[in-house]
Structures are given as C-alpha cells and as structure tokens.
C-alpha atoms as a PDB file:
ATOM      1  CA  MET A   1      99.728  81.750 188.113  1.00  0.00           C
ATOM      2  CA  SER A   2      99.939  78.280 186.582  1.00  0.00           C
ATOM      3  CA  LYS A   3      96.770  76.595 185.418  1.00  0.00           C
ATOM      4  CA  ILE A   4      96.796  72.855 186.061  1.00  0.00           C
ATOM      5  CA  ALA A   5      94.324  70.135 185.115  1.00  0.00           C
ATOM      6  CA  VAL A   6      94.021  66.992 187.220  1.00  0.00           C
ATOM      7  CA  VAL A   7      92.411  64.420 184.931  1.00  0.00           C
ATOM      8  CA  PHE A   8      91.546  61.003 186.326  1.00  0.00           C
ATOM      9  CA  TRP A   9      89.497  57.824 186.187  1.00  0.00           C
ATOM     10  CA  SER A  10      88.765  55.865 189.353  1.00  0.00           C
ATOM     11  CA  GLY A  11      86.825  52.668 189.831  1.00  0.00           C
ATOM     12  CA  THR A  12      87.164  52.159 193.597  1.00  0.00           C
ATOM     13  CA  GLY A  13      87.916  55.705 194.730  1.00  0.00           C
ATOM     14  CA  ASN A  14      91.640  55.129 195.347  1.00  0.00           C
ATOM     15  CA  THR A  15      92.817  57.081 192.306  1.00  0.00           C
ATOM     16  CA  GLU A  16      90.211  59.762 192.998  1.00  0.00           C
ATOM     17  CA  THR A  17      91.693  60.184 196.490  1.00  0.00           C
ATOM     18  CA  MET A  18      95.113  60.595 194.866  1.00  0.00           C
ATOM     19  CA  ALA A  19      93.687  63.110 192.372  1.00  0.00           C
ATOM     20  CA  ASN A  20      92.296  65.175 195.226  1.00  0.00           C
ATOM     21  CA  ALA A  21      95.722  65.194 196.907  1.00  0.00           C
ATOM     22  CA  VAL A  22      97.364  66.368 193.675  1.00  0.00           C
ATOM     23  CA  ALA A  23      94.746  69.110 193.249  1.00  0.00           C
ATOM     24  CA  GLU A  24      95.035  70.254 196.857  1.00  0.00           C
ATOM     25  CA  GLY A  25      98.836  70.309 196.603  1.00  0.00           C
ATOM     26  CA  ALA A  26      98.722  72.414 193.439  1.00  0.00           C
ATOM     27  CA  ALA A  27      96.207  74.843 194.915  1.00  0.00           C
ATOM     28  CA  ALA A  28      98.300  75.184 198.082  1.00  0.00           C
ATOM     29  CA  LYS A  29     101.237  76.216 195.897  1.00  0.00           C
ATOM     30  CA  GLY A  30      99.141  78.916 194.230  1.00  0.00           C
ATOM     31  CA  ALA A  31      98.066  77.184 191.034  1.00  0.00           C
ATOM     32  CA  GLU A  32      94.650  77.497 189.480  1.00  0.00           C
ATOM     33  CA  VAL A  33      93.406  73.894 189.445  1.00  0.00           C
ATOM     34  CA  GLU A  34      90.620  72.163 187.558  1.00  0.00           C
ATOM     35  CA  THR A  35      89.799  68.546 188.443  1.00  0.00           C
ATOM     36  CA  VAL A  36      88.188  66.682 185.541  1.00  0.00           C
ATOM     37  CA  GLN A  37      86.864  63.153 185.092  1.00  0.00           C
ATOM     38  CA  ALA A  38      88.574  61.420 182.151  1.00  0.00           C
ATOM     39  CA  ALA A  39      85.299  61.141 180.224  1.00  0.00           C
ATOM     40  CA  ASP A  40      84.927  64.933 180.374  1.00  0.00           C
ATOM     41  CA  PHE A  41      88.433  65.839 179.139  1.00  0.00           C
ATOM     42  CA  SER A  42      89.502  66.140 175.500  1.00  0.00           C
ATOM     43  CA  ALA A  43      92.408  67.151 173.292  1.00  0.00           C
ATOM     44  CA  ALA A  44      90.687  70.483 172.663  1.00  0.00           C
ATOM     45  CA  MET A  45      91.005  71.302 176.380  1.00  0.00           C
ATOM     46  CA  ALA A  46      94.712  70.457 176.764  1.00  0.00           C
ATOM     47  CA  PRO A  47      96.088  73.762 175.388  1.00  0.00           C
ATOM     48  CA  ASP A  48      94.140  75.647 178.093  1.00  0.00           C
ATOM     49  CA  PHE A  49      96.473  74.261 180.793  1.00  0.00           C
ATOM     50  CA  ASP A  50     100.128  74.901 181.593  1.00  0.00           C
ATOM     51  CA  ALA A  51     100.495  71.369 182.943  1.00  0.00           C
ATOM     52  CA  ILE A  52      98.353  68.275 183.422  1.00  0.00           C
ATOM     53  CA  ALA A  53      98.355  65.499 186.029  1.00  0.00           C
ATOM     54  CA  PHE A  54      96.780  62.283 184.738  1.00  0.00           C
ATOM     55  CA  GLY A  55      95.546  59.563 187.092  1.00  0.00           C
ATOM     56  CA  CYS A  56      94.461  56.038 186.220  1.00  0.00           C
ATOM     57  CA  PRO A  57      94.672  52.749 188.117  1.00  0.00           C
ATOM     58  CA  ALA A  58      96.151  49.583 186.672  1.00  0.00           C
ATOM     59  CA  MET A  59      93.502  47.379 185.108  1.00  0.00           C
ATOM     60  CA  GLY A  60      93.552  43.876 183.651  1.00  0.00           C
ATOM     61  CA  SER A  61      97.125  42.828 182.997  1.00  0.00           C
ATOM     62  CA  GLU A  62      98.576  46.170 184.112  1.00  0.00           C
ATOM     63  CA  GLU A  63      96.928  48.389 181.521  1.00  0.00           C
ATOM     64  CA  LEU A  64      95.105  51.711 181.564  1.00  0.00           C
ATOM     65  CA  GLU A  65      91.324  51.544 181.964  1.00  0.00           C
ATOM     66  CA  ASP A  66      90.055  51.052 178.400  1.00  0.00           C
ATOM     67  CA  GLY A  67      86.430  52.246 178.526  1.00  0.00           C
ATOM     68  CA  GLU A  68      86.960  55.942 179.303  1.00  0.00           C
ATOM     69  CA  PHE A  69      90.570  56.660 180.178  1.00  0.00           C
ATOM     70  CA  GLN A  70      92.453  55.018 177.289  1.00  0.00           C
ATOM     71  CA  PRO A  71      90.270  56.636 174.587  1.00  0.00           C
ATOM     72  CA  MET A  72      90.737  60.047 176.241  1.00  0.00           C
ATOM     73  CA  TRP A  73      94.489  59.439 176.585  1.00  0.00           C
ATOM     74  CA  ASP A  74      94.814  58.492 172.915  1.00  0.00           C
ATOM     75  CA  ASP A  75      92.874  61.636 171.954  1.00  0.00           C
ATOM     76  CA  VAL A  76      94.993  63.942 174.140  1.00  0.00           C
ATOM     77  CA  LYS A  77      98.482  62.525 173.426  1.00  0.00           C
ATOM     78  CA  PRO A  78      99.089  64.607 170.270  1.00  0.00           C
ATOM     79  CA  GLU A  79      98.541  67.762 172.361  1.00  0.00           C
ATOM     80  CA  LEU A  80     101.169  66.803 174.966  1.00  0.00           C
ATOM     81  CA  ASP A  81     104.301  67.572 172.946  1.00  0.00           C
ATOM     82  CA  GLY A  82     106.413  69.862 175.122  1.00  0.00           C
ATOM     83  CA  LYS A  83     103.846  69.925 177.973  1.00  0.00           C
ATOM     84  CA  LYS A  84     104.753  69.138 181.581  1.00  0.00           C
ATOM     85  CA  ILE A  85     102.684  66.257 182.912  1.00  0.00           C
ATOM     86  CA  ALA A  86     102.584  63.961 185.932  1.00  0.00           C
ATOM     87  CA  LEU A  87     101.149  60.445 186.143  1.00  0.00           C
ATOM     88  CA  PHE A  88      99.609  58.728 189.158  1.00  0.00           C
ATOM     89  CA  GLY A  89      97.390  55.804 190.052  1.00  0.00           C
ATOM     90  CA  SER A  90      96.757  52.786 192.220  1.00  0.00           C
ATOM     91  CA  TYR A  91      97.112  49.073 191.613  1.00  0.00           C
ATOM     92  CA  ASP A  92      96.120  45.868 193.369  1.00  0.00           C
ATOM     93  CA  TRP A  93      98.392  43.285 191.788  1.00  0.00           C
ATOM     94  CA  GLY A  94     101.545  43.120 189.728  1.00  0.00           C
ATOM     95  CA  THR A  95     104.633  45.243 190.070  1.00  0.00           C
ATOM     96  CA  GLY A  96     103.555  48.639 188.782  1.00  0.00           C
ATOM     97  CA  GLU A  97     104.681  47.879 185.240  1.00  0.00           C
ATOM     98  CA  TRP A  98     101.668  49.757 183.841  1.00  0.00           C
ATOM     99  CA  MET A  99     103.149  53.010 185.119  1.00  0.00           C
ATOM    100  CA  ASP A 100     106.491  52.386 183.383  1.00  0.00           C
ATOM    101  CA  THR A 101     104.677  51.590 180.121  1.00  0.00           C
ATOM    102  CA  TRP A 102     102.449  54.652 180.493  1.00  0.00           C
ATOM    103  CA  ARG A 103     105.418  56.915 181.179  1.00  0.00           C
ATOM    104  CA  GLU A 104     107.194  55.626 178.047  1.00  0.00           C
ATOM    105  CA  ASP A 105     104.047  56.261 175.999  1.00  0.00           C
ATOM    106  CA  ALA A 106     103.820  59.825 177.316  1.00  0.00           C
ATOM    107  CA  GLU A 107     107.485  60.538 176.649  1.00  0.00           C
ATOM    108  CA  ASP A 108     107.179  59.071 173.142  1.00  0.00           C
ATOM    109  CA  ALA A 109     104.377  61.617 172.579  1.00  0.00           C
ATOM    110  CA  GLY A 110     106.805  64.411 173.510  1.00  0.00           C
ATOM    111  CA  ALA A 111     105.486  65.103 177.011  1.00  0.00           C
ATOM    112  CA  THR A 112     107.851  66.037 179.814  1.00  0.00           C
ATOM    113  CA  VAL A 113     106.925  63.636 182.610  1.00  0.00           C
ATOM    114  CA  VAL A 114     108.012  65.365 185.825  1.00  0.00           C
ATOM    115  CA  ASP A 115     107.328  62.317 188.006  1.00  0.00           C
ATOM    116  CA  THR A 116     104.986  59.419 188.747  1.00  0.00           C
ATOM    117  CA  VAL A 117     103.293  58.167 191.918  1.00  0.00           C
ATOM    118  CA  ILE A 118     101.757  54.736 192.455  1.00  0.00           C
ATOM    119  CA  ALA A 119      99.939  53.320 195.461  1.00  0.00           C
ATOM    120  CA  ASN A 120      99.190  49.700 196.236  1.00  0.00           C
ATOM    121  CA  ASN A 121      95.425  49.629 196.828  1.00  0.00           C
ATOM    122  CA  GLU A 122      94.251  52.499 199.055  1.00  0.00           C
ATOM    123  CA  PRO A 123      96.854  55.278 199.092  1.00  0.00           C
ATOM    124  CA  ASP A 124      98.583  55.639 202.453  1.00  0.00           C
ATOM    125  CA  ASP A 125      99.887  58.872 203.964  1.00  0.00           C
ATOM    126  CA  GLU A 126     103.199  58.488 202.125  1.00  0.00           C
ATOM    127  CA  ALA A 127     101.484  58.136 198.735  1.00  0.00           C
ATOM    128  CA  LEU A 128      99.198  61.091 199.413  1.00  0.00           C
ATOM    129  CA  ALA A 129     102.175  63.245 200.428  1.00  0.00           C
ATOM    130  CA  ALA A 130     103.926  62.195 197.212  1.00  0.00           C
ATOM    131  CA  CYS A 131     100.829  63.227 195.236  1.00  0.00           C
ATOM    132  CA  SER A 132     100.859  66.627 196.903  1.00  0.00           C
ATOM    133  CA  GLU A 133     104.568  67.030 196.077  1.00  0.00           C
ATOM    134  CA  LEU A 134     103.896  65.878 192.513  1.00  0.00           C
ATOM    135  CA  ALA A 135     101.730  68.928 192.058  1.00  0.00           C
ATOM    136  CA  GLY A 136     104.599  71.223 192.980  1.00  0.00           C
ATOM    137  CA  GLN A 137     106.747  69.732 190.231  1.00  0.00           C
ATOM    138  CA  LEU A 138     104.183  70.796 187.651  1.00  0.00           C
ATOM    139  CA  LEU A 139     104.514  74.508 188.498  1.00  0.00           C
END
C-alpha cells in the first residue's frame, strides 16, 4: 500500500477543498493518506511517504504563499529528488504562470512531477475530478 501525504496551504478554503479531493481520491484507490497543513510538514517527514501532493494557491504576482508554504517548500525540496509528487492550487487572477514556475522548481530539485491541477477561484466539479485523478497518478 502506498503512503501519500497531501500537504497544503489555503487562505480562502479553495485549495483546502482541492486537497480533500486529492486525499479522497488516493484513499479510494487504496493508499494510506495523511493530510497535513504546510506549517506542520517538514523535510524530516518527506522520507516517510512514497509520494506527496502539494497544494498552494497563487499569491501576489503569481507566487507561492510566502509566510508558511514557501519556507516549508524550500525546506522540503532537497528531500524530493527521485520522489513522485503532484502540484495543485487555485488562483484568482493571472494565467496560472505560478504553477509553471513551481513545476520547474520541483523538477529542478529532482522531483518527478506526475501532473498539476489549477482552478480559477472555487474549484468546480471538473477541477475536483482532476484532483481525484491526480491522486491515482501518485500510486
């Protein structure tokens, strides 16, 4: 059985809703799932998981949230070499460029990014279904 972490930060609840869909999708496929707030996750925890789904909305000028998520991300990146990960989040403006930049950063760290999902504002049924499918790609 695969052990998957779903690590996220959410300001409005949109990315949290997506995180729940990822977690439910992974559990439905038989994975052991742990959902963790970004502030509670660290590099020391990363080796305990077969794969990790990270969720963060776009902030500012299409950047990761810098109070809790970015510091955690910077801490965890060295532990991602060779690990399967997925990225997801919501945005309210822009084109989704933050996700492309984030994916490049993850791949530069050696992670295998299986896929990404973004939702404009509140995730619709299509985005939530994509989050559920994202989980299956981590197994």
